[in-house]
């Protein structure tokens, strides 16, 4: 006759619920972790990767790795910053440092206040082209192509077309301002070229938060965007037009020219 152990069945019956409970906890934990990762730490490598729910609502943090024109650049998304493992577990692209060779700078005349406030075209051009860009941009990286919202910089030479005055100056200023720097972008839309139209902000201990589009208008290196399609201002259009009017009245940058053709009119004509 076989002897039956009285506690065996109770052990088995209590074991199964424990396994099921642990499985549910592990599964739930996995989905929770995956949801948190996708929401806060997932890297977007192009404008098309950005979920529609983020547009006009959330900000993305990252590094500027290249500037392609006076109003657009390449953005390497680093979600979560240091907390997201960037710089330790996840690598951030490094840019080549460019030495400041004074012998190659554009000759400048007059004192610093004359270069900043003199309304002569040549002085403004010399000032902006003499700004030292400390880094060399890198292409062929998994980056988001970003177009500054609300502004239009002078057109550079493309497809055999001549460049507009102050186009090189605008690009050099933008490189000086943000290349190699960490910035925040707020996606607003995607244009016909697949670029993310965004409000771009940079923190400076000296000036605090700076809207790069508005800073460009203050310098007289761009105009308020004229087109009806892809016109995005993130509810700040009045500020954009105010700063443009101030620069125009003071004849800063491109407004120092006697005859000025807006980038929009230039593109239509050519």
Protein backbone atom coordinates (compact mmCIF):
# COMPACT_ATOMS: atom_id res chain seq x y z
CA UNK A 1 0.00 0.00 0.00
CA UNK A 2 1.34 3.41 -1.02
CA UNK A 3 1.78 5.98 1.70
CA UNK A 4 0.35 9.45 0.77
CA UNK A 5 2.03 12.62 1.97
CA UNK A 6 -0.64 14.91 3.39
CA UNK A 7 1.22 18.20 2.57
CA UNK A 8 2.19 17.55 -1.06
CA UNK A 9 -1.05 18.71 -2.67
CA UNK A 10 -1.18 21.92 -0.63
CA UNK A 11 2.37 22.80 -1.68
CA UNK A 12 1.56 22.24 -5.36
CA UNK A 13 -1.69 24.23 -5.14
CA UNK A 14 0.09 27.19 -3.51
CA UNK A 15 3.00 27.05 -5.99
CA UNK A 16 0.93 27.68 -9.15
CA UNK A 17 -0.70 30.95 -8.01
CA UNK A 18 2.75 32.23 -7.01
CA UNK A 19 4.15 31.47 -10.47
CA UNK A 20 1.17 33.15 -12.14
CA UNK A 21 1.49 36.21 -9.91
CA UNK A 22 5.22 36.53 -10.61
CA UNK A 23 4.60 36.15 -14.35
CA UNK A 24 2.00 38.91 -14.29
CA UNK A 25 4.31 41.18 -12.33
CA UNK A 26 7.22 40.57 -14.72
CA UNK A 27 5.01 41.10 -17.77
CA UNK A 28 3.51 44.25 -16.31
CA UNK A 29 6.95 45.52 -15.35
CA UNK A 30 8.24 44.88 -18.85
CA UNK A 31 5.39 46.79 -20.51
CA UNK A 32 5.71 49.63 -17.99
CA UNK A 33 9.46 49.91 -18.58
CA UNK A 34 8.93 49.77 -22.34
CA UNK A 35 6.29 52.50 -22.13
CA UNK A 36 8.56 54.74 -20.03
CA UNK A 37 11.47 54.17 -22.42
CA UNK A 38 9.39 55.03 -25.49
CA UNK A 39 7.98 58.14 -23.83
CA UNK A 40 11.12 59.59 -22.26
CA UNK A 41 14.25 57.87 -23.60
CA UNK A 42 13.55 56.77 -27.19
CA UNK A 43 15.78 58.51 -29.71
CA UNK A 44 14.22 60.02 -32.84
CA UNK A 45 16.56 59.90 -35.83
CA UNK A 46 14.50 61.83 -38.38
CA UNK A 47 11.48 64.11 -38.50
CA UNK A 48 9.25 61.24 -39.61
CA UNK A 49 10.10 59.33 -36.40
CA UNK A 50 8.53 61.99 -34.18
CA UNK A 51 5.02 60.94 -33.06
CA UNK A 52 2.22 63.30 -34.07
CA UNK A 53 1.14 63.56 -30.44
CA UNK A 54 4.39 65.40 -29.61
CA UNK A 55 3.97 68.22 -32.12
CA UNK A 56 3.23 71.63 -30.57
CA UNK A 57 3.20 70.05 -27.10
CA UNK A 58 6.56 68.61 -26.06
CA UNK A 59 10.22 69.57 -26.28
CA UNK A 60 13.16 67.46 -27.46
CA UNK A 61 16.71 67.81 -26.14
CA UNK A 62 19.83 67.26 -28.18
CA UNK A 63 23.03 68.50 -29.79
CA UNK A 64 23.53 70.50 -32.99
CA UNK A 65 25.97 68.56 -35.19
CA UNK A 66 25.85 70.60 -38.42
CA UNK A 67 24.42 73.83 -39.85
CA UNK A 68 23.37 73.59 -43.48
CA UNK A 69 22.04 77.10 -44.11
CA UNK A 70 21.12 80.32 -42.40
CA UNK A 71 17.88 78.90 -41.03
CA UNK A 72 18.32 75.12 -40.74
CA UNK A 73 20.57 72.61 -38.97
CA UNK A 74 21.00 68.96 -37.99
CA UNK A 75 19.88 67.90 -34.51
CA UNK A 76 21.15 64.77 -32.71
CA UNK A 77 18.40 63.79 -30.28
CA UNK A 78 19.62 62.81 -26.78
CA UNK A 79 16.41 62.09 -24.83
CA UNK A 80 16.82 62.24 -21.08
CA UNK A 81 20.29 63.76 -21.30
CA UNK A 82 22.64 62.31 -18.69
CA UNK A 83 19.75 60.39 -17.08
CA UNK A 84 19.16 58.74 -20.45
CA UNK A 85 22.69 57.35 -20.42
CA UNK A 86 24.10 59.83 -22.94
CA UNK A 87 27.83 60.28 -22.52
CA UNK A 88 28.19 56.97 -20.65
CA UNK A 89 26.03 54.11 -21.90
CA UNK A 90 25.07 55.89 -25.13
CA UNK A 91 27.58 57.89 -27.15
CA UNK A 92 27.14 61.48 -28.29
CA UNK A 93 28.93 62.55 -31.51
CA UNK A 94 32.00 64.69 -30.93
CA UNK A 95 32.85 67.55 -33.26
CA UNK A 96 36.32 68.52 -34.37
CA UNK A 97 37.59 71.63 -32.60
CA UNK A 98 38.66 74.48 -34.88
CA UNK A 99 41.42 76.74 -33.61
CA UNK A 100 40.87 80.47 -33.69
CA UNK A 101 43.49 81.64 -36.19
CA UNK A 102 43.50 85.43 -36.00
CA UNK A 103 45.46 85.65 -39.25
CA UNK A 104 42.49 84.28 -41.23
CA UNK A 105 39.85 86.57 -39.77
CA UNK A 106 38.14 89.18 -41.89
CA UNK A 107 39.78 92.61 -41.39
CA UNK A 108 37.68 94.90 -39.23
CA UNK A 109 37.71 98.66 -38.92
CA UNK A 110 36.79 100.84 -35.98
CA UNK A 111 35.98 99.95 -32.40
CA UNK A 112 33.67 97.16 -31.26
CA UNK A 113 30.67 99.47 -30.83
CA UNK A 114 31.11 100.78 -34.38
CA UNK A 115 31.07 97.22 -35.73
CA UNK A 116 27.88 96.45 -33.83
CA UNK A 117 25.92 99.65 -34.40
CA UNK A 118 27.31 101.29 -37.51
CA UNK A 119 24.73 101.02 -40.28
CA UNK A 120 27.27 100.53 -43.08
CA UNK A 121 26.87 97.22 -44.95
CA UNK A 122 30.59 96.46 -44.99
CA UNK A 123 30.93 96.81 -41.22
CA UNK A 124 28.05 94.43 -40.58
CA UNK A 125 29.43 91.90 -43.04
CA UNK A 126 32.87 92.07 -41.44
CA UNK A 127 31.41 91.64 -37.99
CA UNK A 128 29.33 88.55 -38.74
CA UNK A 129 31.98 86.84 -40.88
CA UNK A 130 34.61 87.40 -38.19
CA UNK A 131 32.67 85.42 -35.57
CA UNK A 132 34.76 82.39 -34.69
CA UNK A 133 32.98 79.06 -35.09
CA UNK A 134 34.80 76.70 -32.67
CA UNK A 135 33.63 73.42 -34.23
CA UNK A 136 33.49 71.72 -37.60
CA UNK A 137 30.11 70.21 -38.42
CA UNK A 138 29.56 66.50 -39.04
CA UNK A 139 27.22 64.98 -41.61
CA UNK A 140 26.06 61.38 -42.16
CA UNK A 141 24.74 61.05 -38.61
CA UNK A 142 21.29 59.86 -37.48
CA UNK A 143 19.95 63.38 -37.02
CA UNK A 144 16.72 65.33 -37.38
CA UNK A 145 16.84 68.05 -40.03
CA UNK A 146 15.41 71.16 -38.34
CA UNK A 147 14.07 74.36 -39.92
CA UNK A 148 13.85 77.42 -37.66
CA UNK A 149 10.23 78.46 -37.28
CA UNK A 150 8.92 81.92 -38.13
CA UNK A 151 12.00 83.24 -39.95
CA UNK A 152 13.52 83.20 -43.42
CA UNK A 153 17.26 83.75 -43.88
CA UNK A 154 18.77 85.08 -47.14
CA UNK A 155 19.13 82.37 -49.79
CA UNK A 156 22.56 80.90 -50.43
CA UNK A 157 23.72 79.80 -53.87
CA UNK A 158 21.77 76.70 -54.97
CA UNK A 159 21.40 74.94 -58.31
CA UNK A 160 23.40 77.56 -60.20
CA UNK A 161 21.50 80.50 -58.68
CA UNK A 162 23.36 83.45 -57.19
CA UNK A 163 23.41 83.91 -53.43
CA UNK A 164 21.60 86.74 -51.70
CA UNK A 165 23.54 89.37 -49.74
CA UNK A 166 24.05 88.39 -46.10
CA UNK A 167 23.39 84.68 -46.78
CA UNK A 168 26.92 83.65 -45.75
CA UNK A 169 26.79 85.99 -42.79
CA UNK A 170 23.52 84.46 -41.58
CA UNK A 171 24.92 80.95 -41.82
CA UNK A 172 28.16 81.87 -40.04
CA UNK A 173 26.18 83.54 -37.24
CA UNK A 174 23.98 80.45 -36.81
CA UNK A 175 27.07 78.22 -36.67
CA UNK A 176 28.64 80.53 -34.12
CA UNK A 177 25.45 80.51 -32.07
CA UNK A 178 24.47 76.83 -31.92
CA UNK A 179 26.96 74.46 -33.63
CA UNK A 180 28.17 71.92 -31.07
CA UNK A 181 25.72 73.26 -28.48
CA UNK A 182 22.87 71.57 -26.62
CA UNK A 183 19.46 72.99 -27.52
CA UNK A 184 15.78 72.28 -26.98
CA UNK A 185 13.44 72.06 -29.96
CA UNK A 186 9.64 72.12 -29.96
CA UNK A 187 8.38 70.34 -33.11
CA UNK A 188 5.59 72.31 -34.80
CA UNK A 189 5.24 70.73 -38.26
CA UNK A 190 7.08 68.90 -41.05
CA UNK A 191 7.67 70.79 -44.30
CA UNK A 192 7.69 69.53 -47.91
CA UNK A 193 11.40 68.72 -47.64
CA UNK A 194 10.95 66.43 -44.64
CA UNK A 195 12.43 68.94 -42.20
CA UNK A 196 11.03 69.47 -38.73
CA UNK A 197 9.86 73.08 -38.39
CA UNK A 198 10.59 73.87 -34.77
CA UNK A 199 10.94 76.54 -32.16
CA UNK A 200 14.53 76.34 -30.95
CA UNK A 201 15.66 77.48 -27.52
CA UNK A 202 19.14 77.63 -26.02
CA UNK A 203 20.11 78.37 -22.42
CA UNK A 204 22.83 80.93 -21.72
CA UNK A 205 24.01 81.80 -18.21
CA UNK A 206 24.47 85.37 -19.43
CA UNK A 207 21.15 85.91 -21.25
CA UNK A 208 18.95 83.06 -20.00
CA UNK A 209 16.65 81.29 -22.49
CA UNK A 210 17.04 82.47 -26.07
CA UNK A 211 14.68 81.80 -28.95
CA UNK A 212 17.12 81.40 -31.86
CA UNK A 213 14.62 82.64 -34.45
CA UNK A 214 14.01 85.83 -32.50
CA UNK A 215 17.74 86.31 -31.92
CA UNK A 216 18.28 86.13 -35.68
CA UNK A 217 15.66 88.83 -36.23
CA UNK A 218 17.32 91.01 -33.58
CA UNK A 219 20.63 90.76 -35.44
CA UNK A 220 18.99 91.70 -38.74
CA UNK A 221 19.97 88.43 -40.39
CA UNK A 222 16.51 87.24 -41.37
CA UNK A 223 12.94 88.32 -41.95
CA UNK A 224 9.63 87.12 -40.58
CA UNK A 225 8.49 84.13 -42.64
CA UNK A 226 6.26 85.38 -45.45
CA UNK A 227 4.73 82.19 -46.82
CA UNK A 228 1.26 80.99 -45.90
CA UNK A 229 2.25 77.31 -45.99
CA UNK A 230 4.36 76.09 -43.04
CA UNK A 231 4.11 79.47 -41.29
CA UNK A 232 4.69 78.48 -37.66
CA UNK A 233 5.29 80.91 -34.80
CA UNK A 234 4.19 78.94 -31.72
CA UNK A 235 1.87 81.80 -30.69
CA UNK A 236 4.70 84.36 -30.78
CA UNK A 237 4.12 86.05 -34.15
CA UNK A 238 3.64 89.48 -32.57
CA UNK A 239 7.09 89.23 -30.94
CA UNK A 240 8.67 88.18 -34.24
CA UNK A 241 7.18 91.15 -36.09
CA UNK A 242 8.11 93.54 -33.30
CA UNK A 243 11.78 92.48 -33.32
CA UNK A 244 11.89 92.66 -37.11
CA UNK A 245 10.51 96.21 -37.02
CA UNK A 246 13.11 97.25 -34.42
CA UNK A 247 16.00 95.89 -36.53
CA UNK A 248 14.58 97.42 -39.71
CA UNK A 249 14.24 100.84 -38.08
CA UNK A 250 17.81 100.59 -36.71
CA UNK A 251 19.10 99.41 -40.12
CA UNK A 252 20.84 96.38 -38.67
CA UNK A 253 22.33 93.64 -40.80
CA UNK A 254 20.54 93.14 -44.11
CA UNK A 255 18.36 96.18 -43.37
CA UNK A 256 21.47 98.34 -43.77
CA UNK A 257 21.25 97.85 -47.55
CA UNK A 258 19.56 100.53 -49.63
CA UNK A 259 17.68 97.96 -51.67
CA UNK A 260 16.67 94.69 -50.09
CA UNK A 261 14.78 91.80 -51.64
CA UNK A 262 13.18 89.40 -49.20
CA UNK A 263 14.09 85.69 -49.46
CA UNK A 264 10.49 84.91 -50.44
CA UNK A 265 10.51 87.44 -53.30
CA UNK A 266 13.97 86.26 -54.35
CA UNK A 267 12.81 82.63 -54.60
CA UNK A 268 9.78 83.60 -56.65
CA UNK A 269 11.88 85.70 -59.03
CA UNK A 270 14.58 83.10 -59.56
